[in-house]
Amino acid sequence: MRNSYPLTIGTLLKQTVYRRSTREIVYGKTRYSWTKLYDRVNGLAAGLADMGVRQGSKVAVVDVDTNRYLEAYYAVPMMGAILHTVNVRLPPEQIAYTMNHAEDDFVMVRDEFLPLATKITP
């Protein structure tokens, strides 16, 4: 049996919303439905687009496993952009190297990692 839709991250999210729209997602202290997640993902995508993120843009995310990261995990690829998950456990010099090597165009930084971002900013 063949799927009648492409198996992209966006269609997978849409199918989950369609089938489980009211089921609750618990992410740390944050709780919301799949529909709310979908709305937040689309809002983040719109905000990133307003900032200039386009198809093919490389977006680095400096975060740990949080609800904000989950939203970026869906929003960035759904836009056709490339998600670069930064390994925050690396030393600052190696983080800077990987980000430079990846040629990231945009960086999303969780507030607790702002001191780290300050260290690696040229």
PDB file of N, CA and C in Angstrom:
ATOM      1  N   MET A   1       0.849  -1.186   0.000  1.00  0.00           N
ATOM      2  CA  MET A   1       0.000   0.000   0.000  1.00  0.00           C
ATOM      3  C   MET A   1       0.889   1.242   0.000  1.00  0.00           C
ATOM      4  N   ARG A   2       0.583   2.161  -0.860  1.00  0.00           N
ATOM      5  CA  ARG A   2       1.356   3.386  -0.978  1.00  0.00           C
ATOM      6  C   ARG A   2       0.656   4.515  -0.240  1.00  0.00           C
ATOM      7  N   ASN A   3       1.466   5.412   0.307  1.00  0.00           N
ATOM      8  CA  ASN A   3       0.892   6.582   0.979  1.00  0.00           C
ATOM      9  C   ASN A   3       0.435   7.579  -0.069  1.00  0.00           C
ATOM     10  N   SER A   4      -0.627   8.261   0.202  1.00  0.00           N
ATOM     11  CA  SER A   4      -1.144   9.262  -0.726  1.00  0.00           C
ATOM     12  C   SER A   4      -0.574  10.652  -0.440  1.00  0.00           C
ATOM     13  N   TYR A   5       0.389  10.719   0.461  1.00  0.00           N
ATOM     14  CA  TYR A   5       1.018  11.990   0.794  1.00  0.00           C
ATOM     15  C   TYR A   5       2.512  11.744   1.031  1.00  0.00           C
ATOM     16  N   PRO A   6       3.350  12.769   0.830  1.00  0.00           N
ATOM     17  CA  PRO A   6       4.791  12.585   1.033  1.00  0.00           C
ATOM     18  C   PRO A   6       5.128  12.426   2.522  1.00  0.00           C
ATOM     19  N   LEU A   7       6.085  11.599   2.824  1.00  0.00           N
ATOM     20  CA  LEU A   7       6.483  11.382   4.222  1.00  0.00           C
ATOM     21  C   LEU A   7       7.538  12.408   4.632  1.00  0.00           C
ATOM     22  N   THR A   8       7.094  13.636   4.762  1.00  0.00           N
ATOM     23  CA  THR A   8       7.963  14.706   5.240  1.00  0.00           C
ATOM     24  C   THR A   8       7.601  15.007   6.688  1.00  0.00           C
ATOM     25  N   ILE A   9       8.466  15.730   7.361  1.00  0.00           N
ATOM     26  CA  ILE A   9       8.204  16.040   8.767  1.00  0.00           C
ATOM     27  C   ILE A   9       6.926  16.867   8.917  1.00  0.00           C
ATOM     28  N   GLY A  10       6.651  17.725   7.938  1.00  0.00           N
ATOM     29  CA  GLY A  10       5.430  18.532   7.982  1.00  0.00           C
ATOM     30  C   GLY A  10       4.172  17.694   7.851  1.00  0.00           C
ATOM     31  N   THR A  11       4.173  16.732   6.915  1.00  0.00           N
ATOM     32  CA  THR A  11       2.980  15.895   6.758  1.00  0.00           C
ATOM     33  C   THR A  11       2.819  14.949   7.931  1.00  0.00           C
ATOM     34  N   LEU A  12       3.924  14.493   8.511  1.00  0.00           N
ATOM     35  CA  LEU A  12       3.817  13.648   9.700  1.00  0.00           C
ATOM     36  C   LEU A  12       3.182  14.418  10.858  1.00  0.00           C
ATOM     37  N   LEU A  13       3.584  15.680  11.036  1.00  0.00           N
ATOM     38  CA  LEU A  13       2.989  16.501  12.086  1.00  0.00           C
ATOM     39  C   LEU A  13       1.507  16.745  11.805  1.00  0.00           C
ATOM     40  N   LYS A  14       1.177  17.058  10.564  1.00  0.00           N
ATOM     41  CA  LYS A  14      -0.227  17.301  10.216  1.00  0.00           C
ATOM     42  C   LYS A  14      -1.086  16.056  10.463  1.00  0.00           C
ATOM     43  N   GLN A  15      -0.571  14.882  10.116  1.00  0.00           N
ATOM     44  CA  GLN A  15      -1.317  13.651  10.356  1.00  0.00           C
ATOM     45  C   GLN A  15      -1.533  13.407  11.848  1.00  0.00           C
ATOM     46  N   THR A  16      -0.511  13.695  12.650  1.00  0.00           N
ATOM     47  CA  THR A  16      -0.645  13.529  14.100  1.00  0.00           C
ATOM     48  C   THR A  16      -1.693  14.491  14.644  1.00  0.00           C
ATOM     49  N   VAL A  17      -1.666  15.735  14.174  1.00  0.00           N
ATOM     50  CA  VAL A  17      -2.670  16.717  14.605  1.00  0.00           C
ATOM     51  C   VAL A  17      -4.059  16.226  14.207  1.00  0.00           C
ATOM     52  N   TYR A  18      -4.195  15.723  12.996  1.00  0.00           N
ATOM     53  CA  TYR A  18      -5.483  15.238  12.510  1.00  0.00           C
ATOM     54  C   TYR A  18      -6.001  14.076  13.359  1.00  0.00           C
ATOM     55  N   ARG A  19      -5.112  13.159  13.707  1.00  0.00           N
ATOM     56  CA  ARG A  19      -5.537  11.949  14.418  1.00  0.00           C
ATOM     57  C   ARG A  19      -5.566  12.099  15.939  1.00  0.00           C
ATOM     58  N   ARG A  20      -4.756  12.999  16.473  1.00  0.00           N
ATOM     59  CA  ARG A  20      -4.623  13.120  17.935  1.00  0.00           C
ATOM     60  C   ARG A  20      -4.694  14.574  18.390  1.00  0.00           C
ATOM     61  N   SER A  21      -5.540  15.367  17.788  1.00  0.00           N
ATOM     62  CA  SER A  21      -5.547  16.815  18.007  1.00  0.00           C
ATOM     63  C   SER A  21      -5.671  17.226  19.468  1.00  0.00           C
ATOM     64  N   THR A  22      -6.408  16.472  20.269  1.00  0.00           N
ATOM     65  CA  THR A  22      -6.612  16.882  21.658  1.00  0.00           C
ATOM     66  C   THR A  22      -5.697  16.146  22.641  1.00  0.00           C
ATOM     67  N   ARG A  23      -4.952  15.167  22.168  1.00  0.00           N
ATOM     68  CA  ARG A  23      -4.055  14.439  23.068  1.00  0.00           C
ATOM     69  C   ARG A  23      -2.983  15.394  23.602  1.00  0.00           C
ATOM     70  N   GLU A  24      -2.716  15.290  24.888  1.00  0.00           N
ATOM     71  CA  GLU A  24      -1.814  16.216  25.549  1.00  0.00           C
ATOM     72  C   GLU A  24      -0.344  15.807  25.378  1.00  0.00           C
ATOM     73  N   ILE A  25       0.489  16.819  25.115  1.00  0.00           N
ATOM     74  CA  ILE A  25       1.943  16.657  25.066  1.00  0.00           C
ATOM     75  C   ILE A  25       2.469  17.234  26.374  1.00  0.00           C
ATOM     76  N   VAL A  26       3.308  16.499  27.069  1.00  0.00           N
ATOM     77  CA  VAL A  26       3.928  16.997  28.295  1.00  0.00           C
ATOM     78  C   VAL A  26       5.419  17.092  28.046  1.00  0.00           C
ATOM     79  N   TYR A  27       5.944  18.292  28.114  1.00  0.00           N
ATOM     80  CA  TYR A  27       7.356  18.545  27.870  1.00  0.00           C
ATOM     81  C   TYR A  27       7.885  19.343  29.048  1.00  0.00           C
ATOM     82  N   GLY A  28       8.468  18.664  30.014  1.00  0.00           N
ATOM     83  CA  GLY A  28       8.893  19.337  31.235  1.00  0.00           C
ATOM     84  C   GLY A  28       7.670  19.843  31.971  1.00  0.00           C
ATOM     85  N   LYS A  29       7.620  21.147  32.229  1.00  0.00           N
ATOM     86  CA  LYS A  29       6.463  21.750  32.897  1.00  0.00           C
ATOM     87  C   LYS A  29       5.423  22.251  31.898  1.00  0.00           C
ATOM     88  N   THR A  30       5.744  22.156  30.622  1.00  0.00           N
ATOM     89  CA  THR A  30       4.849  22.653  29.584  1.00  0.00           C
ATOM     90  C   THR A  30       3.888  21.554  29.139  1.00  0.00           C
ATOM     91  N   ARG A  31       2.620  21.927  29.031  1.00  0.00           N
ATOM     92  CA  ARG A  31       1.588  20.986  28.570  1.00  0.00           C
ATOM     93  C   ARG A  31       0.751  21.681  27.508  1.00  0.00           C
ATOM     94  N   TYR A  32       0.597  21.014  26.388  1.00  0.00           N
ATOM     95  CA  TYR A  32      -0.322  21.506  25.383  1.00  0.00           C
ATOM     96  C   TYR A  32      -0.727  20.389  24.439  1.00  0.00           C
ATOM     97  N   SER A  33      -1.749  20.662  23.618  1.00  0.00           N
ATOM     98  CA  SER A  33      -2.260  19.654  22.684  1.00  0.00           C
ATOM     99  C   SER A  33      -1.420  19.681  21.408  1.00  0.00           C
ATOM    100  N   TRP A  34      -1.613  18.663  20.581  1.00  0.00           N
ATOM    101  CA  TRP A  34      -0.920  18.630  19.291  1.00  0.00           C
ATOM    102  C   TRP A  34      -1.353  19.809  18.428  1.00  0.00           C
ATOM    103  N   THR A  35      -2.615  20.213  18.552  1.00  0.00           N
ATOM    104  CA  THR A  35      -3.090  21.374  17.798  1.00  0.00           C
ATOM    105  C   THR A  35      -2.348  22.629  18.225  1.00  0.00           C
ATOM    106  N   LYS A  36      -2.156  22.801  19.522  1.00  0.00           N
ATOM    107  CA  LYS A  36      -1.418  23.966  20.036  1.00  0.00           C
ATOM    108  C   LYS A  36       0.041  23.914  19.569  1.00  0.00           C
ATOM    109  N   LEU A  37       0.649  22.736  19.599  1.00  0.00           N
ATOM    110  CA  LEU A  37       2.021  22.596  19.088  1.00  0.00           C
ATOM    111  C   LEU A  37       2.066  23.012  17.625  1.00  0.00           C
ATOM    112  N   TYR A  38       1.119  22.554  16.837  1.00  0.00           N
ATOM    113  CA  TYR A  38       1.078  22.890  15.415  1.00  0.00           C
ATOM    114  C   TYR A  38       0.972  24.407  15.223  1.00  0.00           C
ATOM    115  N   ASP A  39       0.134  25.049  16.014  1.00  0.00           N
ATOM    116  CA  ASP A  39      -0.006  26.509  15.942  1.00  0.00           C
ATOM    117  C   ASP A  39       1.312  27.195  16.307  1.00  0.00           C
ATOM    118  N   ARG A  40       1.973  26.703  17.346  1.00  0.00           N
ATOM    119  CA  ARG A  40       3.239  27.295  17.786  1.00  0.00           C
ATOM    120  C   ARG A  40       4.333  27.080  16.725  1.00  0.00           C
ATOM    121  N   VAL A  41       4.357  25.922  16.110  1.00  0.00           N
ATOM    122  CA  VAL A  41       5.327  25.631  15.044  1.00  0.00           C
ATOM    123  C   VAL A  41       5.113  26.593  13.880  1.00  0.00           C
ATOM    124  N   ASN A  42       3.869  26.782  13.482  1.00  0.00           N
ATOM    125  CA  ASN A  42       3.580  27.714  12.382  1.00  0.00           C
ATOM    126  C   ASN A  42       3.905  29.147  12.757  1.00  0.00           C
ATOM    127  N   GLY A  43       3.673  29.522  14.017  1.00  0.00           N
ATOM    128  CA  GLY A  43       4.035  30.861  14.475  1.00  0.00           C
ATOM    129  C   GLY A  43       5.538  31.077  14.453  1.00  0.00           C
ATOM    130  N   LEU A  44       6.295  30.069  14.896  1.00  0.00           N
ATOM    131  CA  LEU A  44       7.753  30.171  14.854  1.00  0.00           C
ATOM    132  C   LEU A  44       8.238  30.263  13.414  1.00  0.00           C
ATOM    133  N   ALA A  45       7.672  29.455  12.531  1.00  0.00           N
ATOM    134  CA  ALA A  45       8.057  29.492  11.120  1.00  0.00           C
ATOM    135  C   ALA A  45       7.785  30.876  10.519  1.00  0.00           C
ATOM    136  N   ALA A  46       6.652  31.463  10.859  1.00  0.00           N
ATOM    137  CA  ALA A  46       6.326  32.804  10.350  1.00  0.00           C
ATOM    138  C   ALA A  46       7.318  33.837  10.886  1.00  0.00           C
ATOM    139  N   GLY A  47       7.649  33.730  12.170  1.00  0.00           N
ATOM    140  CA  GLY A  47       8.617  34.654  12.754  1.00  0.00           C
ATOM    141  C   GLY A  47      10.000  34.506  12.124  1.00  0.00           C
ATOM    142  N   LEU A  48      10.418  33.279  11.898  1.00  0.00           N
ATOM    143  CA  LEU A  48      11.712  33.044  11.251  1.00  0.00           C
ATOM    144  C   LEU A  48      11.708  33.581   9.822  1.00  0.00           C
ATOM    145  N   ALA A  49      10.597  33.389   9.119  1.00  0.00           N
ATOM    146  CA  ALA A  49      10.486  33.918   7.755  1.00  0.00           C
ATOM    147  C   ALA A  49      10.589  35.442   7.762  1.00  0.00           C
ATOM    148  N   ASP A  50       9.957  36.082   8.747  1.00  0.00           N
ATOM    149  CA  ASP A  50      10.040  37.543   8.873  1.00  0.00           C
ATOM    150  C   ASP A  50      11.474  37.999   9.107  1.00  0.00           C
ATOM    151  N   MET A  51      12.268  37.144   9.758  1.00  0.00           N
ATOM    152  CA  MET A  51      13.674  37.481  10.025  1.00  0.00           C
ATOM    153  C   MET A  51      14.573  37.172   8.828  1.00  0.00           C
ATOM    154  N   GLY A  52      14.022  36.538   7.800  1.00  0.00           N
ATOM    155  CA  GLY A  52      14.807  36.278   6.598  1.00  0.00           C
ATOM    156  C   GLY A  52      15.163  34.830   6.344  1.00  0.00           C
ATOM    157  N   VAL A  53      14.702  33.917   7.190  1.00  0.00           N
ATOM    158  CA  VAL A  53      14.976  32.498   6.964  1.00  0.00           C
ATOM    159  C   VAL A  53      14.181  32.055   5.742  1.00  0.00           C
ATOM    160  N   ARG A  54      14.881  31.444   4.811  1.00  0.00           N
ATOM    161  CA  ARG A  54      14.269  30.977   3.569  1.00  0.00           C
ATOM    162  C   ARG A  54      14.639  29.521   3.324  1.00  0.00           C
ATOM    163  N   GLN A  55      14.075  28.930   2.293  1.00  0.00           N
ATOM    164  CA  GLN A  55      14.426  27.575   1.912  1.00  0.00           C
ATOM    165  C   GLN A  55      15.927  27.522   1.649  1.00  0.00           C
ATOM    166  N   GLY A  56      16.595  26.551   2.284  1.00  0.00           N
ATOM    167  CA  GLY A  56      18.043  26.397   2.131  1.00  0.00           C
ATOM    168  C   GLY A  56      18.855  27.131   3.179  1.00  0.00           C
ATOM    169  N   SER A  57      18.229  28.031   3.954  1.00  0.00           N
ATOM    170  CA  SER A  57      18.949  28.712   5.038  1.00  0.00           C
ATOM    171  C   SER A  57      19.370  27.680   6.072  1.00  0.00           C
ATOM    172  N   LYS A  58      20.501  27.939   6.718  1.00  0.00           N
ATOM    173  CA  LYS A  58      20.978  27.040   7.777  1.00  0.00           C
ATOM    174  C   LYS A  58      20.724  27.721   9.125  1.00  0.00           C
ATOM    175  N   VAL A  59      19.966  27.024   9.969  1.00  0.00           N
ATOM    176  CA  VAL A  59      19.570  27.587  11.257  1.00  0.00           C
ATOM    177  C   VAL A  59      20.161  26.730  12.375  1.00  0.00           C
ATOM    178  N   ALA A  60      21.068  27.310  13.149  1.00  0.00           N
ATOM    179  CA  ALA A  60      21.651  26.619  14.297  1.00  0.00           C
ATOM    180  C   ALA A  60      20.749  26.824  15.504  1.00  0.00           C
ATOM    181  N   VAL A  61      20.590  25.767  16.296  1.00  0.00           N
ATOM    182  CA  VAL A  61      19.791  25.848  17.518  1.00  0.00           C
ATOM    183  C   VAL A  61      20.691  25.476  18.687  1.00  0.00           C
ATOM    184  N   VAL A  62      20.903  26.440  19.581  1.00  0.00           N
ATOM    185  CA  VAL A  62      21.720  26.230  20.776  1.00  0.00           C
ATOM    186  C   VAL A  62      20.740  26.067  21.933  1.00  0.00           C
ATOM    187  N   ASP A  63      20.415  24.809  22.219  1.00  0.00           N
ATOM    188  CA  ASP A  63      19.403  24.498  23.219  1.00  0.00           C
ATOM    189  C   ASP A  63      19.576  23.042  23.628  1.00  0.00           C
ATOM    190  N   VAL A  64      18.891  22.666  24.672  1.00  0.00           N
ATOM    191  CA  VAL A  64      18.803  21.268  25.072  1.00  0.00           C
ATOM    192  C   VAL A  64      17.403  20.792  24.704  1.00  0.00           C
ATOM    193  N   ASP A  65      17.017  19.630  25.134  1.00  0.00           N
ATOM    194  CA  ASP A  65      15.726  19.055  24.778  1.00  0.00           C
ATOM    195  C   ASP A  65      14.611  19.761  25.544  1.00  0.00           C
ATOM    196  N   THR A  66      14.068  20.823  24.941  1.00  0.00           N
ATOM    197  CA  THR A  66      12.995  21.607  25.548  1.00  0.00           C
ATOM    198  C   THR A  66      11.831  21.705  24.573  1.00  0.00           C
ATOM    199  N   ASN A  67      10.715  22.241  25.032  1.00  0.00           N
ATOM    200  CA  ASN A  67       9.585  22.442  24.135  1.00  0.00           C
ATOM    201  C   ASN A  67       9.929  23.424  23.017  1.00  0.00           C
ATOM    202  N   ARG A  68      10.784  24.385  23.294  1.00  0.00           N
ATOM    203  CA  ARG A  68      11.195  25.342  22.255  1.00  0.00           C
ATOM    204  C   ARG A  68      12.010  24.630  21.180  1.00  0.00           C
ATOM    205  N   TYR A  69      12.870  23.700  21.609  1.00  0.00           N
ATOM    206  CA  TYR A  69      13.636  22.925  20.639  1.00  0.00           C
ATOM    207  C   TYR A  69      12.694  22.063  19.799  1.00  0.00           C
ATOM    208  N   LEU A  70      11.690  21.451  20.434  1.00  0.00           N
ATOM    209  CA  LEU A  70      10.714  20.644  19.712  1.00  0.00           C
ATOM    210  C   LEU A  70      10.034  21.472  18.622  1.00  0.00           C
ATOM    211  N   GLU A  71       9.679  22.691  18.948  1.00  0.00           N
ATOM    212  CA  GLU A  71       9.027  23.572  17.981  1.00  0.00           C
ATOM    213  C   GLU A  71       9.971  23.900  16.824  1.00  0.00           C
ATOM    214  N   ALA A  72      11.232  24.172  17.131  1.00  0.00           N
ATOM    215  CA  ALA A  72      12.223  24.450  16.078  1.00  0.00           C
ATOM    216  C   ALA A  72      12.471  23.211  15.230  1.00  0.00           C
ATOM    217  N   TYR A  73      12.451  22.030  15.882  1.00  0.00           N
ATOM    218  CA  TYR A  73      12.681  20.764  15.192  1.00  0.00           C
ATOM    219  C   TYR A  73      11.677  20.563  14.056  1.00  0.00           C
ATOM    220  N   TYR A  74      10.456  21.036  14.238  1.00  0.00           N
ATOM    221  CA  TYR A  74       9.447  20.948  13.189  1.00  0.00           C
ATOM    222  C   TYR A  74       9.469  22.180  12.283  1.00  0.00           C
ATOM    223  N   ALA A  75       9.548  23.374  12.859  1.00  0.00           N
ATOM    224  CA  ALA A  75       9.389  24.607  12.082  1.00  0.00           C
ATOM    225  C   ALA A  75      10.479  24.794  11.027  1.00  0.00           C
ATOM    226  N   VAL A  76      11.721  24.584  11.401  1.00  0.00           N
ATOM    227  CA  VAL A  76      12.823  24.860  10.474  1.00  0.00           C
ATOM    228  C   VAL A  76      12.762  23.958   9.239  1.00  0.00           C
ATOM    229  N   PRO A  77      12.699  22.629   9.393  1.00  0.00           N
ATOM    230  CA  PRO A  77      12.613  21.796   8.187  1.00  0.00           C
ATOM    231  C   PRO A  77      11.328  22.000   7.383  1.00  0.00           C
ATOM    232  N   MET A  78      10.225  22.319   8.061  1.00  0.00           N
ATOM    233  CA  MET A  78       8.976  22.550   7.337  1.00  0.00           C
ATOM    234  C   MET A  78       9.087  23.761   6.414  1.00  0.00           C
ATOM    235  N   MET A  79      10.000  24.679   6.729  1.00  0.00           N
ATOM    236  CA  MET A  79      10.227  25.849   5.886  1.00  0.00           C
ATOM    237  C   MET A  79      11.152  25.523   4.716  1.00  0.00           C
ATOM    238  N   GLY A  80      11.751  24.343   4.761  1.00  0.00           N
ATOM    239  CA  GLY A  80      12.742  23.990   3.742  1.00  0.00           C
ATOM    240  C   GLY A  80      14.137  24.440   4.122  1.00  0.00           C
ATOM    241  N   ALA A  81      14.281  24.894   5.365  1.00  0.00           N
ATOM    242  CA  ALA A  81      15.589  25.308   5.866  1.00  0.00           C
ATOM    243  C   ALA A  81      16.281  24.104   6.521  1.00  0.00           C
ATOM    244  N   ILE A  82      17.533  24.268   6.843  1.00  0.00           N
ATOM    245  CA  ILE A  82      18.341  23.187   7.412  1.00  0.00           C
ATOM    246  C   ILE A  82      18.529  23.446   8.902  1.00  0.00           C
ATOM    247  N   LEU A  83      18.167  22.461   9.719  1.00  0.00           N
ATOM    248  CA  LEU A  83      18.300  22.564  11.171  1.00  0.00           C
ATOM    249  C   LEU A  83      19.661  22.022  11.585  1.00  0.00           C
ATOM    250  N   HIS A  84      20.439  22.839  12.275  1.00  0.00           N
ATOM    251  CA  HIS A  84      21.735  22.416  12.811  1.00  0.00           C
ATOM    252  C   HIS A  84      21.624  22.413  14.331  1.00  0.00           C
ATOM    253  N   THR A  85      21.532  21.229  14.910  1.00  0.00           N
ATOM    254  CA  THR A  85      21.481  21.110  16.359  1.00  0.00           C
ATOM    255  C   THR A  85      22.903  21.221  16.891  1.00  0.00           C
ATOM    256  N   VAL A  86      23.167  22.243  17.671  1.00  0.00           N
ATOM    257  CA  VAL A  86      24.503  22.477  18.211  1.00  0.00           C
ATOM    258  C   VAL A  86      24.686  21.639  19.465  1.00  0.00           C
ATOM    259  N   ASN A  87      25.808  20.942  19.531  1.00  0.00           N
ATOM    260  CA  ASN A  87      26.128  20.124  20.703  1.00  0.00           C
ATOM    261  C   ASN A  87      26.691  21.041  21.792  1.00  0.00           C
ATOM    262  N   VAL A  88      25.863  21.391  22.762  1.00  0.00           N
ATOM    263  CA  VAL A  88      26.266  22.337  23.802  1.00  0.00           C
ATOM    264  C   VAL A  88      27.246  21.728  24.805  1.00  0.00           C
ATOM    265  N   ARG A  89      27.511  20.440  24.696  1.00  0.00           N
ATOM    266  CA  ARG A  89      28.466  19.790  25.604  1.00  0.00           C
ATOM    267  C   ARG A  89      29.914  19.949  25.129  1.00  0.00           C
ATOM    268  N   LEU A  90      30.088  20.420  23.907  1.00  0.00           N
ATOM    269  CA  LEU A  90      31.442  20.631  23.384  1.00  0.00           C
ATOM    270  C   LEU A  90      32.047  21.895  23.991  1.00  0.00           C
ATOM    271  N   PRO A  91      33.379  21.986  24.003  1.00  0.00           N
ATOM    272  CA  PRO A  91      34.013  23.236  24.436  1.00  0.00           C
ATOM    273  C   PRO A  91      33.651  24.377  23.466  1.00  0.00           C
ATOM    274  N   PRO A  92      33.649  25.608  23.943  1.00  0.00           N
ATOM    275  CA  PRO A  92      33.253  26.747  23.099  1.00  0.00           C
ATOM    276  C   PRO A  92      34.000  26.819  21.760  1.00  0.00           C
ATOM    277  N   GLU A  93      35.298  26.497  21.754  1.00  0.00           N
ATOM    278  CA  GLU A  93      36.074  26.577  20.508  1.00  0.00           C
ATOM    279  C   GLU A  93      35.544  25.578  19.477  1.00  0.00           C
ATOM    280  N   GLN A  94      35.172  24.389  19.940  1.00  0.00           N
ATOM    281  CA  GLN A  94      34.658  23.380  19.014  1.00  0.00           C
ATOM    282  C   GLN A  94      33.247  23.725  18.532  1.00  0.00           C
ATOM    283  N   ILE A  95      32.474  24.341  19.400  1.00  0.00           N
ATOM    284  CA  ILE A  95      31.137  24.789  18.986  1.00  0.00           C
ATOM    285  C   ILE A  95      31.285  25.842  17.890  1.00  0.00           C
ATOM    286  N   ALA A  96      32.170  26.794  18.107  1.00  0.00           N
ATOM    287  CA  ALA A  96      32.405  27.833  17.099  1.00  0.00           C
ATOM    288  C   ALA A  96      32.882  27.209  15.788  1.00  0.00           C
ATOM    289  N   TYR A  97      33.770  26.226  15.887  1.00  0.00           N
ATOM    290  CA  TYR A  97      34.280  25.559  14.682  1.00  0.00           C
ATOM    291  C   TYR A  97      33.141  24.886  13.917  1.00  0.00           C
ATOM    292  N   THR A  98      32.287  24.128  14.626  1.00  0.00           N
ATOM    293  CA  THR A  98      31.211  23.406  13.926  1.00  0.00           C
ATOM    294  C   THR A  98      30.217  24.379  13.304  1.00  0.00           C
ATOM    295  N   MET A  99      29.944  25.477  13.978  1.00  0.00           N
ATOM    296  CA  MET A  99      29.007  26.454  13.421  1.00  0.00           C
ATOM    297  C   MET A  99      29.610  27.165  12.212  1.00  0.00           C
ATOM    298  N   ASN A 100      30.880  27.477  12.285  1.00  0.00           N
ATOM    299  CA  ASN A 100      31.548  28.095  11.134  1.00  0.00           C
ATOM    300  C   ASN A 100      31.632  27.116   9.969  1.00  0.00           C
ATOM    301  N   HIS A 101      31.971  25.868  10.277  1.00  0.00           N
ATOM    302  CA  HIS A 101      32.077  24.847   9.240  1.00  0.00           C
ATOM    303  C   HIS A 101      30.718  24.604   8.571  1.00  0.00           C
ATOM    304  N   ALA A 102      29.654  24.616   9.345  1.00  0.00           N
ATOM    305  CA  ALA A 102      28.306  24.429   8.799  1.00  0.00           C
ATOM    306  C   ALA A 102      27.822  25.661   8.034  1.00  0.00           C
ATOM    307  N   GLU A 103      28.493  26.789   8.248  1.00  0.00           N
ATOM    308  CA  GLU A 103      28.118  28.061   7.625  1.00  0.00           C
ATOM    309  C   GLU A 103      26.672  28.440   7.953  1.00  0.00           C
ATOM    310  N   ASP A 104      26.359  28.374   9.256  1.00  0.00           N
ATOM    311  CA  ASP A 104      25.014  28.721   9.712  1.00  0.00           C
ATOM    312  C   ASP A 104      24.687  30.167   9.356  1.00  0.00           C
ATOM    313  N   ASP A 105      23.472  30.370   8.896  1.00  0.00           N
ATOM    314  CA  ASP A 105      23.001  31.712   8.541  1.00  0.00           C
ATOM    315  C   ASP A 105      22.301  32.395   9.710  1.00  0.00           C
ATOM    316  N   PHE A 106      21.627  31.605  10.548  1.00  0.00           N
ATOM    317  CA  PHE A 106      20.866  32.112  11.680  1.00  0.00           C
ATOM    318  C   PHE A 106      21.155  31.242  12.894  1.00  0.00           C
ATOM    319  N   VAL A 107      21.028  31.843  14.085  1.00  0.00           N
ATOM    320  CA  VAL A 107      21.270  31.101  15.321  1.00  0.00           C
ATOM    321  C   VAL A 107      20.133  31.394  16.293  1.00  0.00           C
ATOM    322  N   MET A 108      19.544  30.327  16.817  1.00  0.00           N
ATOM    323  CA  MET A 108      18.541  30.448  17.879  1.00  0.00           C
ATOM    324  C   MET A 108      19.226  29.992  19.162  1.00  0.00           C
ATOM    325  N   VAL A 109      19.225  30.846  20.193  1.00  0.00           N
ATOM    326  CA  VAL A 109      19.942  30.546  21.434  1.00  0.00           C
ATOM    327  C   VAL A 109      18.989  30.589  22.612  1.00  0.00           C
ATOM    328  N   ARG A 110      18.962  29.505  23.379  1.00  0.00           N
ATOM    329  CA  ARG A 110      18.201  29.487  24.627  1.00  0.00           C
ATOM    330  C   ARG A 110      18.875  30.444  25.606  1.00  0.00           C
ATOM    331  N   ASP A 111      18.095  31.153  26.400  1.00  0.00           N
ATOM    332  CA  ASP A 111      18.637  32.186  27.289  1.00  0.00           C
ATOM    333  C   ASP A 111      19.758  31.694  28.198  1.00  0.00           C
ATOM    334  N   GLU A 112      19.680  30.461  28.673  1.00  0.00           N
ATOM    335  CA  GLU A 112      20.736  29.980  29.573  1.00  0.00           C
ATOM    336  C   GLU A 112      22.073  29.787  28.855  1.00  0.00           C
ATOM    337  N   PHE A 113      22.061  29.779  27.514  1.00  0.00           N
ATOM    338  CA  PHE A 113      23.298  29.625  26.746  1.00  0.00           C
ATOM    339  C   PHE A 113      23.812  30.950  26.179  1.00  0.00           C
ATOM    340  N   LEU A 114      23.231  32.067  26.592  1.00  0.00           N
ATOM    341  CA  LEU A 114      23.709  33.364  26.117  1.00  0.00           C
ATOM    342  C   LEU A 114      25.167  33.628  26.493  1.00  0.00           C
ATOM    343  N   PRO A 115      25.607  33.267  27.716  1.00  0.00           N
ATOM    344  CA  PRO A 115      27.040  33.443  28.021  1.00  0.00           C
ATOM    345  C   PRO A 115      27.942  32.651  27.072  1.00  0.00           C
ATOM    346  N   LEU A 116      27.539  31.456  26.717  1.00  0.00           N
ATOM    347  CA  LEU A 116      28.290  30.640  25.761  1.00  0.00           C
ATOM    348  C   LEU A 116      28.306  31.324  24.392  1.00  0.00           C
ATOM    349  N   ALA A 117      27.144  31.814  23.956  1.00  0.00           N
ATOM    350  CA  ALA A 117      27.061  32.491  22.661  1.00  0.00           C
ATOM    351  C   ALA A 117      27.968  33.721  22.630  1.00  0.00           C
ATOM    352  N   THR A 118      28.052  34.432  23.743  1.00  0.00           N
ATOM    353  CA  THR A 118      28.915  35.604  23.829  1.00  0.00           C
ATOM    354  C   THR A 118      30.378  35.212  23.654  1.00  0.00           C
ATOM    355  N   LYS A 119      30.758  34.061  24.230  1.00  0.00           N
ATOM    356  CA  LYS A 119      32.141  33.579  24.112  1.00  0.00           C
ATOM    357  C   LYS A 119      32.539  33.247  22.683  1.00  0.00           C
ATOM    358  N   ILE A 120      31.600  32.690  21.920  1.00  0.00           N
ATOM    359  CA  ILE A 120      31.958  32.213  20.584  1.00  0.00           C
ATOM    360  C   ILE A 120      31.659  33.226  19.486  1.00  0.00           C
ATOM    361  N   THR A 121      31.035  34.342  19.828  1.00  0.00           N
ATOM    362  CA  THR A 121      30.724  35.369  18.823  1.00  0.00           C
ATOM    363  C   THR A 121      32.008  36.093  18.450  1.00  0.00           C
ATOM    364  N   PRO A 122      32.266  36.203  17.129  1.00  0.00           N
ATOM    365  CA  PRO A 122      33.494  36.910  16.708  1.00  0.00           C
ATOM    366  C   PRO A 122      33.488  38.378  17.118  1.00  0.00           C
TER     367      PRO A 122
END
